[in-house]
Amino acid sequence: MMEKKKLKVKIFDKEYSLLVENQEIATELAKYVNDVMEETQNELSGQPSETISVIASLNIAYDLFMEKNKFKEFSIQATDKIKKIKYLQDKKCK
């Protein structure tokens, strides 16, 4: 197991101290969250921070959901192709 390191990140003008295994990935994630929150704030100007946070969280969850579905579809297609290849190999060997 990797040793965790302290990392300070700034998200939506607030600093957070994190314990992370990979500082580079954690920094990228914090930047992504901050970017989504800033985009959400620009789209919903005048809304309280709590509303911005919830809507930004939903946007991030939506992105994750879409990526998981893409991966699931890719896995199904890959499995089908592997089955076809095995079937053709078995048929050729007989």
PDB file of N, CA and C in Angstrom:
ATOM      1  N   MET A   1       0.841  -1.188   0.000  1.00  0.00           N
ATOM      2  CA  MET A   1       0.000   0.000   0.000  1.00  0.00           C
ATOM      3  C   MET A   1       0.882   1.246   0.000  1.00  0.00           C
ATOM      4  N   MET A   2       0.492   2.208  -0.808  1.00  0.00           N
ATOM      5  CA  MET A   2       1.281   3.436  -0.914  1.00  0.00           C
ATOM      6  C   MET A   2       1.068   4.308   0.323  1.00  0.00           C
ATOM      7  N   GLU A   3       2.101   5.053   0.637  1.00  0.00           N
ATOM      8  CA  GLU A   3       2.008   5.990   1.753  1.00  0.00           C
ATOM      9  C   GLU A   3       1.210   7.213   1.328  1.00  0.00           C
ATOM     10  N   LYS A   4       0.329   7.650   2.190  1.00  0.00           N
ATOM     11  CA  LYS A   4      -0.476   8.831   1.878  1.00  0.00           C
ATOM     12  C   LYS A   4       0.290  10.093   2.228  1.00  0.00           C
ATOM     13  N   LYS A   5       0.101  11.099   1.377  1.00  0.00           N
ATOM     14  CA  LYS A   5       0.775  12.376   1.569  1.00  0.00           C
ATOM     15  C   LYS A   5      -0.268  13.472   1.733  1.00  0.00           C
ATOM     16  N   LYS A   6       0.118  14.519   2.444  1.00  0.00           N
ATOM     17  CA  LYS A   6      -0.773  15.671   2.613  1.00  0.00           C
ATOM     18  C   LYS A   6      -0.738  16.527   1.358  1.00  0.00           C
ATOM     19  N   LEU A   7      -1.909  17.001   0.977  1.00  0.00           N
ATOM     20  CA  LEU A   7      -2.017  17.872  -0.186  1.00  0.00           C
ATOM     21  C   LEU A   7      -3.080  18.927   0.104  1.00  0.00           C
ATOM     22  N   LYS A   8      -2.759  20.159  -0.196  1.00  0.00           N
ATOM     23  CA  LYS A   8      -3.741  21.237  -0.067  1.00  0.00           C
ATOM     24  C   LYS A   8      -4.239  21.581  -1.457  1.00  0.00           C
ATOM     25  N   VAL A   9      -5.569  21.632  -1.586  1.00  0.00           N
ATOM     26  CA  VAL A   9      -6.184  21.993  -2.858  1.00  0.00           C
ATOM     27  C   VAL A   9      -7.191  23.106  -2.604  1.00  0.00           C
ATOM     28  N   LYS A  10      -7.434  23.884  -3.642  1.00  0.00           N
ATOM     29  CA  LYS A  10      -8.409  24.966  -3.536  1.00  0.00           C
ATOM     30  C   LYS A  10      -9.562  24.669  -4.483  1.00  0.00           C
ATOM     31  N   ILE A  11     -10.751  24.598  -3.917  1.00  0.00           N
ATOM     32  CA  ILE A  11     -11.956  24.345  -4.695  1.00  0.00           C
ATOM     33  C   ILE A  11     -12.985  25.400  -4.324  1.00  0.00           C
ATOM     34  N   PHE A  12     -13.425  26.132  -5.330  1.00  0.00           N
ATOM     35  CA  PHE A  12     -14.466  27.140  -5.148  1.00  0.00           C
ATOM     36  C   PHE A  12     -14.089  28.137  -4.057  1.00  0.00           C
ATOM     37  N   ASP A  13     -12.840  28.617  -4.151  1.00  0.00           N
ATOM     38  CA  ASP A  13     -12.278  29.627  -3.249  1.00  0.00           C
ATOM     39  C   ASP A  13     -12.151  29.170  -1.798  1.00  0.00           C
ATOM     40  N   LYS A  14     -12.131  27.867  -1.579  1.00  0.00           N
ATOM     41  CA  LYS A  14     -11.929  27.348  -0.229  1.00  0.00           C
ATOM     42  C   LYS A  14     -10.827  26.300  -0.283  1.00  0.00           C
ATOM     43  N   GLU A  15      -9.914  26.353   0.691  1.00  0.00           N
ATOM     44  CA  GLU A  15      -8.787  25.426   0.720  1.00  0.00           C
ATOM     45  C   GLU A  15      -9.129  24.188   1.547  1.00  0.00           C
ATOM     46  N   TYR A  16      -8.735  23.032   1.028  1.00  0.00           N
ATOM     47  CA  TYR A  16      -8.974  21.758   1.691  1.00  0.00           C
ATOM     48  C   TYR A  16      -7.656  21.014   1.839  1.00  0.00           C
ATOM     49  N   SER A  17      -7.448  20.375   2.982  1.00  0.00           N
ATOM     50  CA  SER A  17      -6.282  19.520   3.203  1.00  0.00           C
ATOM     51  C   SER A  17      -6.723  18.076   3.011  1.00  0.00           C
ATOM     52  N   LEU A  18      -5.997  17.383   2.156  1.00  0.00           N
ATOM     53  CA  LEU A  18      -6.336  16.002   1.846  1.00  0.00           C
ATOM     54  C   LEU A  18      -5.158  15.088   2.154  1.00  0.00           C
ATOM     55  N   LEU A  19      -5.447  13.819   2.432  1.00  0.00           N
ATOM     56  CA  LEU A  19      -4.436  12.775   2.496  1.00  0.00           C
ATOM     57  C   LEU A  19      -4.637  11.930   1.250  1.00  0.00           C
ATOM     58  N   VAL A  20      -3.624  11.883   0.401  1.00  0.00           N
ATOM     59  CA  VAL A  20      -3.776  11.220  -0.895  1.00  0.00           C
ATOM     60  C   VAL A  20      -2.601  10.281  -1.160  1.00  0.00           C
ATOM     61  N   GLU A  21      -2.867   9.258  -1.976  1.00  0.00           N
ATOM     62  CA  GLU A  21      -1.796   8.360  -2.405  1.00  0.00           C
ATOM     63  C   GLU A  21      -1.100   8.916  -3.645  1.00  0.00           C
ATOM     64  N   ASN A  22      -1.862   9.569  -4.510  1.00  0.00           N
ATOM     65  CA  ASN A  22      -1.300  10.083  -5.758  1.00  0.00           C
ATOM     66  C   ASN A  22      -1.641  11.570  -5.860  1.00  0.00           C
ATOM     67  N   GLN A  23      -0.654  12.397  -5.636  1.00  0.00           N
ATOM     68  CA  GLN A  23      -0.878  13.845  -5.622  1.00  0.00           C
ATOM     69  C   GLN A  23      -1.286  14.382  -6.986  1.00  0.00           C
ATOM     70  N   GLU A  24      -0.734  13.810  -8.036  1.00  0.00           N
ATOM     71  CA  GLU A  24      -1.050  14.286  -9.384  1.00  0.00           C
ATOM     72  C   GLU A  24      -2.528  14.054  -9.719  1.00  0.00           C
ATOM     73  N   ILE A  25      -2.999  12.861  -9.431  1.00  0.00           N
ATOM     74  CA  ILE A  25      -4.406  12.551  -9.701  1.00  0.00           C
ATOM     75  C   ILE A  25      -5.321  13.395  -8.822  1.00  0.00           C
ATOM     76  N   ALA A  26      -4.974  13.525  -7.541  1.00  0.00           N
ATOM     77  CA  ALA A  26      -5.794  14.322  -6.625  1.00  0.00           C
ATOM     78  C   ALA A  26      -5.861  15.779  -7.065  1.00  0.00           C
ATOM     79  N   THR A  27      -4.752  16.300  -7.556  1.00  0.00           N
ATOM     80  CA  THR A  27      -4.720  17.679  -8.047  1.00  0.00           C
ATOM     81  C   THR A  27      -5.619  17.831  -9.271  1.00  0.00           C
ATOM     82  N   GLU A  28      -5.554  16.846 -10.184  1.00  0.00           N
ATOM     83  CA  GLU A  28      -6.417  16.879 -11.376  1.00  0.00           C
ATOM     84  C   GLU A  28      -7.892  16.803 -10.990  1.00  0.00           C
ATOM     85  N   LEU A  29      -8.211  15.939 -10.030  1.00  0.00           N
ATOM     86  CA  LEU A  29      -9.604  15.814  -9.581  1.00  0.00           C
ATOM     87  C   LEU A  29     -10.107  17.114  -8.959  1.00  0.00           C
ATOM     88  N   ALA A  30      -9.271  17.718  -8.128  1.00  0.00           N
ATOM     89  CA  ALA A  30      -9.663  18.980  -7.498  1.00  0.00           C
ATOM     90  C   ALA A  30      -9.886  20.058  -8.553  1.00  0.00           C
ATOM     91  N   LYS A  31      -9.031  20.098  -9.560  1.00  0.00           N
ATOM     92  CA  LYS A  31      -9.196  21.070 -10.635  1.00  0.00           C
ATOM     93  C   LYS A  31     -10.487  20.808 -11.396  1.00  0.00           C
ATOM     94  N   TYR A  32     -10.771  19.550 -11.669  1.00  0.00           N
ATOM     95  CA  TYR A  32     -12.008  19.187 -12.375  1.00  0.00           C
ATOM     96  C   TYR A  32     -13.231  19.637 -11.574  1.00  0.00           C
ATOM     97  N   VAL A  33     -13.248  19.323 -10.289  1.00  0.00           N
ATOM     98  CA  VAL A  33     -14.384  19.712  -9.439  1.00  0.00           C
ATOM     99  C   VAL A  33     -14.510  21.229  -9.410  1.00  0.00           C
ATOM    100  N   ASN A  34     -13.400  21.927  -9.243  1.00  0.00           N
ATOM    101  CA  ASN A  34     -13.430  23.384  -9.225  1.00  0.00           C
ATOM    102  C   ASN A  34     -13.960  23.946 -10.545  1.00  0.00           C
ATOM    103  N   ASP A  35     -13.492  23.386 -11.658  1.00  0.00           N
ATOM    104  CA  ASP A  35     -13.960  23.851 -12.974  1.00  0.00           C
ATOM    105  C   ASP A  35     -15.463  23.655 -13.138  1.00  0.00           C
ATOM    106  N   VAL A  36     -15.958  22.490 -12.729  1.00  0.00           N
ATOM    107  CA  VAL A  36     -17.399  22.221 -12.838  1.00  0.00           C
ATOM    108  C   VAL A  36     -18.178  23.189 -11.949  1.00  0.00           C
ATOM    109  N   MET A  37     -17.678  23.440 -10.761  1.00  0.00           N
ATOM    110  CA  MET A  37     -18.371  24.369  -9.860  1.00  0.00           C
ATOM    111  C   MET A  37     -18.380  25.786 -10.427  1.00  0.00           C
ATOM    112  N   GLU A  38     -17.268  26.213 -11.006  1.00  0.00           N
ATOM    113  CA  GLU A  38     -17.219  27.554 -11.595  1.00  0.00           C
ATOM    114  C   GLU A  38     -18.143  27.662 -12.805  1.00  0.00           C
ATOM    115  N   GLU A  39     -18.174  26.629 -13.641  1.00  0.00           N
ATOM    116  CA  GLU A  39     -19.097  26.614 -14.783  1.00  0.00           C
ATOM    117  C   GLU A  39     -20.544  26.701 -14.299  1.00  0.00           C
ATOM    118  N   THR A  40     -20.842  25.937 -13.265  1.00  0.00           N
ATOM    119  CA  THR A  40     -22.198  25.927 -12.707  1.00  0.00           C
ATOM    120  C   THR A  40     -22.547  27.295 -12.141  1.00  0.00           C
ATOM    121  N   GLN A  41     -21.599  27.919 -11.458  1.00  0.00           N
ATOM    122  CA  GLN A  41     -21.834  29.254 -10.904  1.00  0.00           C
ATOM    123  C   GLN A  41     -22.101  30.254 -12.029  1.00  0.00           C
ATOM    124  N   ASN A  42     -21.364  30.147 -13.122  1.00  0.00           N
ATOM    125  CA  ASN A  42     -21.575  31.059 -14.254  1.00  0.00           C
ATOM    126  C   ASN A  42     -22.959  30.869 -14.871  1.00  0.00           C
ATOM    127  N   GLU A  43     -23.426  29.618 -14.896  1.00  0.00           N
ATOM    128  CA  GLU A  43     -24.742  29.332 -15.468  1.00  0.00           C
ATOM    129  C   GLU A  43     -25.883  29.711 -14.528  1.00  0.00           C
ATOM    130  N   LEU A  44     -25.612  29.666 -13.237  1.00  0.00           N
ATOM    131  CA  LEU A  44     -26.656  29.933 -12.239  1.00  0.00           C
ATOM    132  C   LEU A  44     -26.266  31.104 -11.343  1.00  0.00           C
ATOM    133  N   SER A  45     -25.869  32.185 -11.948  1.00  0.00           N
ATOM    134  CA  SER A  45     -25.401  33.324 -11.159  1.00  0.00           C
ATOM    135  C   SER A  45     -26.461  33.762 -10.151  1.00  0.00           C
ATOM    136  N   GLY A  46     -25.973  34.129  -8.987  1.00  0.00           N
ATOM    137  CA  GLY A  46     -26.867  34.610  -7.935  1.00  0.00           C
ATOM    138  C   GLY A  46     -27.387  33.510  -7.021  1.00  0.00           C
ATOM    139  N   GLN A  47     -27.098  32.257  -7.333  1.00  0.00           N
ATOM    140  CA  GLN A  47     -27.553  31.150  -6.490  1.00  0.00           C
ATOM    141  C   GLN A  47     -26.585  30.953  -5.323  1.00  0.00           C
ATOM    142  N   PRO A  48     -27.097  30.471  -4.199  1.00  0.00           N
ATOM    143  CA  PRO A  48     -26.205  30.236  -3.049  1.00  0.00           C
ATOM    144  C   PRO A  48     -25.201  29.109  -3.338  1.00  0.00           C
ATOM    145  N   SER A  49     -24.099  29.115  -2.602  1.00  0.00           N
ATOM    146  CA  SER A  49     -23.036  28.122  -2.781  1.00  0.00           C
ATOM    147  C   SER A  49     -23.558  26.699  -2.631  1.00  0.00           C
ATOM    148  N   GLU A  50     -24.485  26.499  -1.729  1.00  0.00           N
ATOM    149  CA  GLU A  50     -25.034  25.158  -1.519  1.00  0.00           C
ATOM    150  C   GLU A  50     -25.729  24.656  -2.787  1.00  0.00           C
ATOM    151  N   THR A  51     -26.504  25.503  -3.426  1.00  0.00           N
ATOM    152  CA  THR A  51     -27.175  25.127  -4.671  1.00  0.00           C
ATOM    153  C   THR A  51     -26.156  24.831  -5.761  1.00  0.00           C
ATOM    154  N   ILE A  52     -25.138  25.685  -5.861  1.00  0.00           N
ATOM    155  CA  ILE A  52     -24.075  25.484  -6.847  1.00  0.00           C
ATOM    156  C   ILE A  52     -23.409  24.131  -6.612  1.00  0.00           C
ATOM    157  N   SER A  53     -23.112  23.813  -5.348  1.00  0.00           N
ATOM    158  CA  SER A  53     -22.451  22.555  -5.010  1.00  0.00           C
ATOM    159  C   SER A  53     -23.295  21.346  -5.382  1.00  0.00           C
ATOM    160  N   VAL A  54     -24.581  21.412  -5.096  1.00  0.00           N
ATOM    161  CA  VAL A  54     -25.460  20.274  -5.401  1.00  0.00           C
ATOM    162  C   VAL A  54     -25.588  20.083  -6.909  1.00  0.00           C
ATOM    163  N   ILE A  55     -25.810  21.158  -7.648  1.00  0.00           N
ATOM    164  CA  ILE A  55     -25.954  21.058  -9.103  1.00  0.00           C
ATOM    165  C   ILE A  55     -24.636  20.587  -9.732  1.00  0.00           C
ATOM    166  N   ALA A  56     -23.512  21.107  -9.242  1.00  0.00           N
ATOM    167  CA  ALA A  56     -22.207  20.669  -9.747  1.00  0.00           C
ATOM    168  C   ALA A  56     -22.005  19.176  -9.454  1.00  0.00           C
ATOM    169  N   SER A  57     -22.400  18.742  -8.279  1.00  0.00           N
ATOM    170  CA  SER A  57     -22.295  17.325  -7.933  1.00  0.00           C
ATOM    171  C   SER A  57     -23.136  16.468  -8.860  1.00  0.00           C
ATOM    172  N   LEU A  58     -24.324  16.928  -9.173  1.00  0.00           N
ATOM    173  CA  LEU A  58     -25.175  16.197 -10.115  1.00  0.00           C
ATOM    174  C   LEU A  58     -24.547  16.148 -11.506  1.00  0.00           C
ATOM    175  N   ASN A  59     -23.938  17.243 -11.929  1.00  0.00           N
ATOM    176  CA  ASN A  59     -23.253  17.263 -13.232  1.00  0.00           C
ATOM    177  C   ASN A  59     -22.087  16.273 -13.267  1.00  0.00           C
ATOM    178  N   ILE A  60     -21.325  16.212 -12.175  1.00  0.00           N
ATOM    179  CA  ILE A  60     -20.206  15.270 -12.090  1.00  0.00           C
ATOM    180  C   ILE A  60     -20.732  13.836 -12.062  1.00  0.00           C
ATOM    181  N   ALA A  61     -21.794  13.606 -11.303  1.00  0.00           N
ATOM    182  CA  ALA A  61     -22.400  12.265 -11.247  1.00  0.00           C
ATOM    183  C   ALA A  61     -22.907  11.855 -12.629  1.00  0.00           C
ATOM    184  N   TYR A  62     -23.475  12.802 -13.360  1.00  0.00           N
ATOM    185  CA  TYR A  62     -23.955  12.525 -14.717  1.00  0.00           C
ATOM    186  C   TYR A  62     -22.791  12.112 -15.623  1.00  0.00           C
ATOM    187  N   ASP A  63     -21.683  12.851 -15.536  1.00  0.00           N
ATOM    188  CA  ASP A  63     -20.490  12.503 -16.319  1.00  0.00           C
ATOM    189  C   ASP A  63     -20.021  11.084 -15.992  1.00  0.00           C
ATOM    190  N   LEU A  64     -19.975  10.755 -14.707  1.00  0.00           N
ATOM    191  CA  LEU A  64     -19.559   9.426 -14.285  1.00  0.00           C
ATOM    192  C   LEU A  64     -20.521   8.362 -14.801  1.00  0.00           C
ATOM    193  N   PHE A  65     -21.809   8.612 -14.683  1.00  0.00           N
ATOM    194  CA  PHE A  65     -22.838   7.689 -15.159  1.00  0.00           C
ATOM    195  C   PHE A  65     -22.675   7.417 -16.652  1.00  0.00           C
ATOM    196  N   MET A  66     -22.454   8.464 -17.429  1.00  0.00           N
ATOM    197  CA  MET A  66     -22.293   8.313 -18.879  1.00  0.00           C
ATOM    198  C   MET A  66     -21.034   7.493 -19.202  1.00  0.00           C
ATOM    199  N   GLU A  67     -19.946   7.751 -18.500  1.00  0.00           N
ATOM    200  CA  GLU A  67     -18.709   7.001 -18.731  1.00  0.00           C
ATOM    201  C   GLU A  67     -18.878   5.533 -18.351  1.00  0.00           C
ATOM    202  N   LYS A  68     -19.581   5.277 -17.252  1.00  0.00           N
ATOM    203  CA  LYS A  68     -19.820   3.889 -16.849  1.00  0.00           C
ATOM    204  C   LYS A  68     -20.663   3.163 -17.891  1.00  0.00           C
ATOM    205  N   ASN A  69     -21.640   3.841 -18.446  1.00  0.00           N
ATOM    206  CA  ASN A  69     -22.480   3.229 -19.481  1.00  0.00           C
ATOM    207  C   ASN A  69     -21.686   2.974 -20.756  1.00  0.00           C
ATOM    208  N   LYS A  70     -20.788   3.902 -21.125  1.00  0.00           N
ATOM    209  CA  LYS A  70     -19.930   3.693 -22.295  1.00  0.00           C
ATOM    210  C   LYS A  70     -19.052   2.461 -22.084  1.00  0.00           C
ATOM    211  N   PHE A  71     -18.487   2.341 -20.888  1.00  0.00           N
ATOM    212  CA  PHE A  71     -17.627   1.208 -20.578  1.00  0.00           C
ATOM    213  C   PHE A  71     -18.426  -0.097 -20.608  1.00  0.00           C
ATOM    214  N   LYS A  72     -19.620  -0.063 -20.056  1.00  0.00           N
ATOM    215  CA  LYS A  72     -20.475  -1.256 -20.045  1.00  0.00           C
ATOM    216  C   LYS A  72     -20.791  -1.696 -21.473  1.00  0.00           C
ATOM    217  N   GLU A  73     -21.152  -0.742 -22.323  1.00  0.00           N
ATOM    218  CA  GLU A  73     -21.460  -1.042 -23.724  1.00  0.00           C
ATOM    219  C   GLU A  73     -20.218  -1.573 -24.446  1.00  0.00           C
ATOM    220  N   PHE A  74     -19.073  -0.959 -24.193  1.00  0.00           N
ATOM    221  CA  PHE A  74     -17.816  -1.420 -24.791  1.00  0.00           C
ATOM    222  C   PHE A  74     -17.513  -2.854 -24.359  1.00  0.00           C
ATOM    223  N   SER A  75     -17.706  -3.144 -23.075  1.00  0.00           N
ATOM    224  CA  SER A  75     -17.446  -4.487 -22.554  1.00  0.00           C
ATOM    225  C   SER A  75     -18.358  -5.516 -23.207  1.00  0.00           C
ATOM    226  N   ILE A  76     -19.627  -5.174 -23.392  1.00  0.00           N
ATOM    227  CA  ILE A  76     -20.580  -6.082 -24.038  1.00  0.00           C
ATOM    228  C   ILE A  76     -20.141  -6.353 -25.475  1.00  0.00           C
ATOM    229  N   GLN A  77     -19.790  -5.292 -26.192  1.00  0.00           N
ATOM    230  CA  GLN A  77     -19.359  -5.456 -27.582  1.00  0.00           C
ATOM    231  C   GLN A  77     -18.071  -6.276 -27.666  1.00  0.00           C
ATOM    232  N   ALA A  78     -17.126  -6.030 -26.777  1.00  0.00           N
ATOM    233  CA  ALA A  78     -15.869  -6.772 -26.775  1.00  0.00           C
ATOM    234  C   ALA A  78     -16.113  -8.246 -26.476  1.00  0.00           C
ATOM    235  N   THR A  79     -16.969  -8.533 -25.513  1.00  0.00           N
ATOM    236  CA  THR A  79     -17.298  -9.918 -25.172  1.00  0.00           C
ATOM    237  C   THR A  79     -17.948 -10.623 -26.349  1.00  0.00           C
ATOM    238  N   ASP A  80     -18.860  -9.941 -27.026  1.00  0.00           N
ATOM    239  CA  ASP A  80     -19.507 -10.529 -28.204  1.00  0.00           C
ATOM    240  C   ASP A  80     -18.488 -10.839 -29.296  1.00  0.00           C
ATOM    241  N   LYS A  81     -17.562  -9.923 -29.532  1.00  0.00           N
ATOM    242  CA  LYS A  81     -16.542 -10.152 -30.567  1.00  0.00           C
ATOM    243  C   LYS A  81     -15.628 -11.310 -30.191  1.00  0.00           C
ATOM    244  N   ILE A  82     -15.262 -11.408 -28.934  1.00  0.00           N
ATOM    245  CA  ILE A  82     -14.415 -12.510 -28.476  1.00  0.00           C
ATOM    246  C   ILE A  82     -15.136 -13.845 -28.668  1.00  0.00           C
ATOM    247  N   LYS A  83     -16.428 -13.876 -28.329  1.00  0.00           N
ATOM    248  CA  LYS A  83     -17.217 -15.101 -28.511  1.00  0.00           C
ATOM    249  C   LYS A  83     -17.269 -15.499 -29.991  1.00  0.00           C
ATOM    250  N   LYS A  84     -17.435 -14.516 -30.875  1.00  0.00           N
ATOM    251  CA  LYS A  84     -17.479 -14.798 -32.319  1.00  0.00           C
ATOM    252  C   LYS A  84     -16.133 -15.337 -32.804  1.00  0.00           C
ATOM    253  N   ILE A  85     -15.049 -14.746 -32.333  1.00  0.00           N
ATOM    254  CA  ILE A  85     -13.712 -15.199 -32.725  1.00  0.00           C
ATOM    255  C   ILE A  85     -13.485 -16.633 -32.255  1.00  0.00           C
ATOM    256  N   LYS A  86     -13.839 -16.913 -31.005  1.00  0.00           N
ATOM    257  CA  LYS A  86     -13.684 -18.275 -30.478  1.00  0.00           C
ATOM    258  C   LYS A  86     -14.533 -19.260 -31.275  1.00  0.00           C
ATOM    259  N   TYR A  87     -15.745 -18.854 -31.596  1.00  0.00           N
ATOM    260  CA  TYR A  87     -16.640 -19.721 -32.373  1.00  0.00           C
ATOM    261  C   TYR A  87     -16.025 -20.027 -33.741  1.00  0.00           C
ATOM    262  N   LEU A  88     -15.507 -18.994 -34.399  1.00  0.00           N
ATOM    263  CA  LEU A  88     -14.898 -19.191 -35.716  1.00  0.00           C
ATOM    264  C   LEU A  88     -13.624 -20.037 -35.624  1.00  0.00           C
ATOM    265  N   GLN A  89     -12.840 -19.854 -34.568  1.00  0.00           N
ATOM    266  CA  GLN A  89     -11.643 -20.667 -34.386  1.00  0.00           C
ATOM    267  C   GLN A  89     -12.009 -22.131 -34.159  1.00  0.00           C
ATOM    268  N   ASP A  90     -13.018 -22.362 -33.302  1.00  0.00           N
ATOM    269  CA  ASP A  90     -13.470 -23.723 -33.030  1.00  0.00           C
ATOM    270  C   ASP A  90     -14.003 -24.375 -34.298  1.00  0.00           C
ATOM    271  N   LYS A  91     -14.737 -23.632 -35.083  1.00  0.00           N
ATOM    272  CA  LYS A  91     -15.326 -24.138 -36.322  1.00  0.00           C
ATOM    273  C   LYS A  91     -14.216 -24.469 -37.343  1.00  0.00           C
ATOM    274  N   LYS A  92     -13.187 -23.640 -37.377  1.00  0.00           N
ATOM    275  CA  LYS A  92     -12.075 -23.829 -38.310  1.00  0.00           C
ATOM    276  C   LYS A  92     -11.244 -25.054 -37.936  1.00  0.00           C
ATOM    277  N   CYS A  93     -11.094 -25.289 -36.621  1.00  0.00           N
ATOM    278  CA  CYS A  93     -10.279 -26.412 -36.138  1.00  0.00           C
ATOM    279  C   CYS A  93     -10.966 -27.763 -36.347  1.00  0.00           C
ATOM    280  N   LYS A  94     -12.245 -27.788 -36.579  1.00  0.00           N
ATOM    281  CA  LYS A  94     -12.989 -29.056 -36.735  1.00  0.00           C
ATOM    282  C   LYS A  94     -12.978 -29.558 -38.136  1.00  0.00           C
TER     283      LYS A  94
END
